[in-house]
Protein backbone atom coordinates (compact mmCIF):
# COMPACT_ATOMS: atom_id res chain seq x y z
CA MET A 1 -0.23 -0.05 -0.06
CA TRP A 2 3.02 2.17 0.56
CA VAL A 3 3.86 2.23 -3.02
CA VAL A 4 0.67 3.83 -3.82
CA PHE A 5 0.74 6.56 -1.66
CA ALA A 6 4.52 7.41 -3.05
CA PHE A 7 2.72 7.34 -6.48
CA ALA A 8 0.75 9.35 -4.99
CA SER A 9 2.73 11.68 -3.98
CA ALA A 10 4.74 12.31 -7.28
CA LEU A 11 1.46 13.07 -8.93
CA PHE A 12 1.17 15.58 -6.73
CA ALA A 13 4.30 17.00 -6.39
CA GLY A 14 4.16 16.87 -10.66
CA LEU A 15 1.24 19.09 -10.38
CA THR A 16 2.60 21.58 -7.53
CA SER A 17 5.66 22.80 -9.82
CA VAL A 18 3.47 23.18 -12.74
CA LEU A 19 0.15 25.53 -10.20
CA ALA A 20 3.67 27.00 -8.57
CA LYS A 21 4.88 28.14 -12.25
CA CYS A 22 1.88 29.82 -12.82
CA GLY A 23 1.87 31.43 -9.63
CA ILE A 24 5.10 33.13 -9.90
CA LYS A 25 5.59 34.97 -12.93
CA ASN A 26 5.13 38.33 -11.35
CA THR A 27 5.92 36.89 -7.50
CA ASP A 28 9.04 36.73 -5.70
CA SER A 29 9.52 33.22 -5.43
CA ASN A 30 9.95 32.97 -1.55
CA VAL A 31 7.54 35.10 -1.04
CA ALA A 32 4.70 31.98 -3.05
CA THR A 33 6.92 29.31 -1.20
CA ALA A 34 6.11 31.54 2.78
CA ILE A 35 2.22 31.74 1.08
CA ARG A 36 2.02 28.30 0.56
CA THR A 37 3.33 26.57 3.27
CA ILE A 38 0.48 28.19 4.90
CA ILE A 39 -1.77 26.66 2.58
CA VAL A 40 -0.14 23.24 3.80
CA LEU A 41 0.26 24.00 7.58
CA ILE A 42 -3.38 24.34 7.51
CA PHE A 43 -4.30 21.58 5.26
CA SER A 44 -1.88 19.69 7.21
CA TRP A 45 -4.19 20.18 10.41
CA ILE A 46 -7.47 19.61 8.71
CA MET A 47 -5.96 15.75 7.95
CA VAL A 48 -4.83 15.65 11.38
CA PHE A 49 -8.15 16.51 12.91
CA ILE A 50 -10.38 14.56 10.59
CA SER A 51 -7.91 11.25 11.33
CA GLY A 52 -7.95 11.98 14.87
CA ALA A 53 -4.80 11.64 15.13
CA GLN A 54 -4.58 15.48 17.33
CA THR A 55 -4.86 12.89 20.58
CA GLU A 56 -1.70 11.50 19.94
CA THR A 57 0.19 14.78 20.65
CA ALA A 58 0.44 14.31 24.58
CA ASP A 59 1.96 11.26 23.67
CA VAL A 60 4.64 12.24 21.33
CA SER A 61 8.02 10.80 22.92
CA LEU A 62 10.68 14.23 23.03
CA LYS A 63 13.07 12.10 20.77
CA THR A 64 10.21 12.28 18.23
CA TRP A 65 9.84 16.11 18.57
CA ILE A 66 13.12 15.95 18.05
CA PHE A 67 13.85 14.28 14.91
CA LEU A 68 10.44 16.17 13.22
CA ILE A 69 12.09 19.55 13.93
CA LEU A 70 15.22 18.45 12.57
CA SER A 71 13.59 17.01 9.68
CA GLY A 72 11.74 20.91 9.08
CA LEU A 73 15.16 22.70 9.72
CA ALA A 74 17.03 20.73 7.63
CA THR A 75 13.81 21.59 4.76
CA GLY A 76 14.44 24.96 5.25
CA ALA A 77 18.69 24.61 5.35
CA SER A 78 18.03 23.08 1.76
CA TRP A 79 16.02 25.43 0.20
CA LEU A 80 18.28 28.21 2.02
CA CYS A 81 21.26 26.86 0.28
CA TYR A 82 19.09 26.05 -3.04
CA PHE A 83 18.15 29.32 -3.49
CA LYS A 84 21.34 30.66 -2.73
CA ALA A 85 23.43 28.46 -4.92
CA LEU A 86 21.12 29.81 -7.77
CA GLN A 87 21.64 32.88 -7.20
CA LEU A 88 25.64 32.68 -7.40
CA GLY A 89 25.95 29.95 -10.15
CA ASP A 90 24.30 28.72 -13.60
CA ILE A 91 21.38 27.01 -12.70
CA ASN A 92 22.32 23.77 -15.35
CA LYS A 93 25.40 23.44 -12.72
CA VAL A 94 23.73 23.80 -9.58
CA VAL A 95 20.48 21.39 -10.40
CA PRO A 96 21.93 18.12 -11.14
CA ILE A 97 23.93 18.59 -7.59
CA ASP A 98 20.71 19.00 -5.89
CA LYS A 99 19.51 16.40 -8.12
CA SER A 100 21.80 13.92 -6.37
CA SER A 101 20.04 13.90 -3.05
CA THR A 102 18.67 11.16 -4.17
CA ILE A 103 21.43 9.02 -4.26
CA LEU A 104 22.33 10.88 -1.04
CA THR A 105 19.14 9.52 0.58
CA ILE A 106 19.77 5.95 -0.50
CA ILE A 107 23.63 5.69 0.66
CA LEU A 108 22.55 7.39 4.08
CA ALA A 109 19.31 5.24 4.42
CA PHE A 110 22.27 1.72 4.35
CA ILE A 111 24.14 3.95 6.77
CA PHE A 112 21.51 5.16 9.33
CA LEU A 113 18.53 2.83 8.47
CA HIS A 114 20.68 -0.17 7.61
CA GLU A 115 18.28 -0.35 4.29
CA LYS A 116 20.49 -2.89 1.63
CA ILE A 117 22.06 -1.69 -1.30
CA SER A 118 21.77 -5.14 -3.50
CA LEU A 119 23.72 -4.98 -7.06
CA LEU A 120 20.48 -4.05 -8.86
CA LYS A 121 19.96 -1.09 -7.01
CA ALA A 122 22.80 0.16 -7.69
CA VAL A 123 22.65 -0.06 -11.02
CA CYS A 124 19.75 2.13 -10.53
CA VAL A 125 21.09 4.75 -8.74
CA VAL A 126 24.01 5.12 -11.92
CA LEU A 127 20.72 4.72 -14.73
CA ILE A 128 19.12 7.58 -12.46
CA ALA A 129 22.38 10.21 -12.13
CA ALA A 130 23.25 9.25 -15.32
CA GLY A 131 19.27 10.40 -16.68
CA THR A 132 19.37 13.07 -14.44
CA TYR A 133 22.46 14.55 -15.93
CA MET A 134 21.13 14.17 -19.38
CA MET A 135 18.21 15.89 -18.43
CA ILE A 136 19.73 19.34 -17.86
CA GLN A 137 19.57 21.91 -20.41
CA LYS A 138 22.41 23.78 -20.90
CA LYS A 139 22.05 27.76 -20.59
CA ASP A 140 24.10 30.28 -22.78
CA CYS A 141 23.22 33.59 -21.22
CA SER A 142 25.46 33.29 -17.97
CA GLU A 143 28.24 30.42 -18.68
CA ALA A 144 31.19 33.33 -19.57
CA TYR A 145 30.98 34.96 -16.10
CA ASP A 146 32.12 34.32 -12.94
CA SER A 147 31.00 37.53 -11.50
CA ARG A 148 27.57 39.03 -11.04
CA GLU A 149 26.46 42.73 -10.81
CA THR A 150 25.19 43.72 -7.90
CA LYS A 151 22.24 46.76 -7.12
CA SER A 152 25.17 48.85 -5.58
CA GLY A 153 26.86 48.56 -9.06
CA SER A 154 29.41 46.70 -8.00
CA PHE A 155 30.34 43.08 -8.81
CA GLU A 156 30.48 39.93 -6.75
CA ASN A 157 33.01 37.09 -7.35
CA ARG A 158 31.14 33.79 -7.59
CA GLY A 159 33.85 31.35 -7.57
CA ARG A 160 33.24 27.86 -6.07
CA ALA A 161 30.72 29.38 -3.79
CA TRP A 162 27.69 28.01 -5.48
CA LEU A 163 29.58 24.21 -5.37
CA ILE A 164 29.43 24.54 -1.85
CA TYR A 165 25.56 25.73 -1.69
CA ALA A 166 24.39 23.49 -3.96
CA CYS A 167 26.27 20.65 -2.33
CA LEU A 168 24.44 21.96 1.28
CA SER A 169 21.08 21.52 -0.35
CA ALA A 170 21.19 18.24 -1.84
CA VAL A 171 22.54 16.91 1.87
CA PHE A 172 20.17 18.80 4.05
CA ALA A 173 17.21 17.57 1.25
CA SER A 174 19.11 14.01 2.09
CA LEU A 175 18.74 14.65 5.56
CA THR A 176 15.32 15.61 5.05
CA SER A 177 13.77 12.24 4.38
CA ILE A 178 15.83 10.61 6.77
CA LEU A 179 15.17 12.49 9.51
CA GLY A 180 11.60 12.56 8.49
CA LYS A 181 11.60 8.65 8.82
CA VAL A 182 12.96 8.72 11.97
CA GLY A 183 10.60 11.40 13.58
CA ILE A 184 7.23 9.03 12.32
CA GLU A 185 7.93 6.13 13.54
CA GLY A 186 5.43 4.98 16.04
CA LEU A 187 3.89 8.06 14.95
CA ASN A 188 0.63 9.12 12.96
CA SER A 189 1.89 10.54 9.74
CA ASN A 190 -0.54 13.12 9.29
CA LEU A 191 0.31 14.56 12.90
CA GLY A 192 4.30 14.36 11.92
CA THR A 193 3.76 16.61 8.65
CA ALA A 194 1.25 18.89 10.66
CA VAL A 195 4.33 19.71 12.88
CA ARG A 196 6.87 19.08 10.54
CA THR A 197 4.96 22.04 8.16
CA ALA A 198 4.83 24.49 11.28
CA VAL A 199 9.31 24.85 11.35
CA VAL A 200 9.30 24.55 7.45
CA LEU A 201 6.62 27.86 7.83
CA VAL A 202 9.03 29.66 10.18
CA MET A 203 11.92 29.06 8.15
CA ALA A 204 10.19 29.80 4.86
CA TRP A 205 9.15 33.47 6.42
CA VAL A 206 12.49 33.90 8.08
CA VAL A 207 13.78 33.98 4.54
CA VAL A 208 11.39 36.31 2.92
CA PHE A 209 12.19 38.67 5.83
CA VAL A 210 15.57 38.22 6.14
CA THR A 211 15.40 38.97 2.25
CA LYS A 212 13.42 41.76 2.62
CA LYS A 213 10.55 40.60 0.38
CA GLN A 214 7.76 41.04 2.64
CA HIS A 215 6.42 44.60 0.65
CA ALA A 216 5.66 41.94 -2.33
CA LEU A 217 2.90 40.78 -0.40
CA ARG A 218 0.62 43.64 -1.71
CA GLU A 219 1.93 43.41 -5.41
CA ILE A 220 0.20 39.39 -5.62
CA SER A 221 -2.50 39.06 -8.49
CA LYS A 222 -5.52 37.22 -7.34
CA LYS A 223 -5.11 35.27 -10.54
CA GLU A 224 -1.57 34.52 -9.32
CA LEU A 225 -2.37 34.16 -5.21
CA LEU A 226 -5.36 31.52 -6.73
CA PHE A 227 -2.11 29.65 -8.40
CA ILE A 228 0.02 30.04 -5.45
CA SER A 229 -2.77 28.43 -3.10
CA LEU A 230 -3.80 25.70 -5.01
CA SER A 231 -0.22 24.84 -5.69
CA GLY A 232 -0.51 25.18 -1.61
CA LEU A 233 -2.85 22.18 -1.81
CA ALA A 234 -1.14 19.92 -4.09
CA THR A 235 2.35 20.27 -2.07
CA GLY A 236 -0.21 19.23 0.89
CA ALA A 237 -1.46 16.24 -0.29
CA SER A 238 1.64 15.14 -1.86
CA TRP A 239 3.60 15.40 1.95
CA LEU A 240 0.93 13.79 3.18
CA CYS A 241 1.64 11.22 0.91
CA TYR A 242 5.01 11.09 1.40
CA TYR A 243 4.71 10.66 5.09
CA ARG A 244 2.57 8.53 5.04
CA ALA A 245 4.86 5.98 2.32
CA LEU A 246 7.66 6.72 4.57
CA LYS A 247 6.15 5.47 7.48
CA ASP A 248 5.51 2.10 5.67
CA GLY A 249 8.71 2.01 2.69
CA LEU A 250 11.77 1.83 2.52
CA ALA A 251 12.94 5.29 2.34
CA SER A 252 15.63 4.31 -0.66
CA VAL A 253 12.77 3.22 -2.64
CA VAL A 254 9.97 5.70 -1.54
CA VAL A 255 12.42 9.03 -2.30
CA PRO A 256 13.07 7.68 -5.75
CA VAL A 257 9.75 6.80 -6.66
CA ASP A 258 8.24 10.74 -5.49
CA LYS A 259 11.02 11.94 -8.08
CA LEU A 260 8.94 10.63 -10.94
CA SER A 261 7.04 13.43 -10.13
CA ILE A 262 8.79 14.77 -13.62
CA LEU A 263 6.96 12.47 -15.48
CA VAL A 264 3.82 15.05 -14.00
CA THR A 265 5.61 17.77 -14.08
CA ILE A 266 6.86 17.23 -17.93
CA ALA A 267 3.41 16.30 -18.96
CA PHE A 268 1.45 19.15 -17.70
CA SER A 269 4.63 21.71 -18.91
CA TYR A 270 4.08 20.41 -22.36
CA ILE A 271 -0.28 21.12 -22.24
CA VAL A 272 -0.06 24.78 -20.44
CA PHE A 273 2.92 25.75 -21.34
CA GLY A 274 3.78 23.79 -24.99
CA GLU A 275 7.78 22.65 -23.24
CA LYS A 276 9.15 19.92 -25.24
CA LEU A 277 12.03 17.71 -24.54
CA ASN A 278 14.89 17.54 -26.60
CA PHE A 279 16.26 13.72 -28.17
CA LYS A 280 18.97 14.05 -24.81
CA SER A 281 16.51 15.20 -22.41
CA ALA A 282 13.84 11.96 -23.57
CA ALA A 283 16.67 9.68 -23.44
CA GLY A 284 17.39 10.79 -20.06
CA LEU A 285 14.09 11.44 -18.73
CA VAL A 286 13.74 7.30 -19.77
CA LEU A 287 16.86 6.24 -17.38
CA ILE A 288 15.52 8.01 -14.58
CA VAL A 289 12.68 6.36 -15.04
CA ALA A 290 13.78 3.10 -15.83
CA GLY A 291 15.97 3.08 -12.82
CA THR A 292 13.26 4.27 -10.99
CA LEU A 293 10.94 1.13 -11.63
CA LEU A 294 14.00 -1.19 -11.43
CA MET A 295 14.47 -0.05 -7.71
CA ILE A 296 10.99 -0.68 -7.18
CA ILE A 297 11.00 -4.20 -7.56
CA ASN A 298 13.71 -4.75 -6.50
């Protein structure tokens, strides 16, 4: 049954990306994320009360609280590092490193959760890694530059700082899954998701105020606010399914299945935005799907 929840998580995650893209055409992405997290938090607690899980709050152990909070903090840290990496580096260099969180999760699951890595699973990791690399679309606009102009008119040397932030983003994303897995053992997955989302909400708004983007709240159009809200609902549904799958399934399998959201995103991107894949990207997508499906039956 956990496999069904894992695929449902991928479906809603794919919808989240498309809806979010529709909602941030003129809205700052950090502000949109903060608003979306409010929707996710409300959605999460509604599910908690529907399932009657709120009665378990008093019985949550200190260990569980710690791991849930750490999982939320890891998510927030991953977002901070990811957007900083995108700010300093080229997207076609940052994204493949961030995607490596899937491989890191499998390794960390082996080390900390003692989930075995068979020869077939190792092959799957190679397929996913190769496919992700092939999916990267090169950007020509900024690859020749090693510095960027700041608002003050001066130039900031990017150097290799983006590489450090991108690697940290992948590490924190992997830790999110591992910590979340430990944090929901013996706990209702809906309650675990709601608690973790509350932590993420705080971090999301910290990002908004640190970057001084709170003024952008007044400039959001009703149409984009609607798409941001729908994106939040899809995110909430994805997270609930994801952590329900993590509770009963293997983290090293649930995480790659969740990454199949790329299929949904690509399909809707073609329908809504008319975006097409070239041969190299299509071949990469096939490798990712093949590696993921093989991992499920491993």
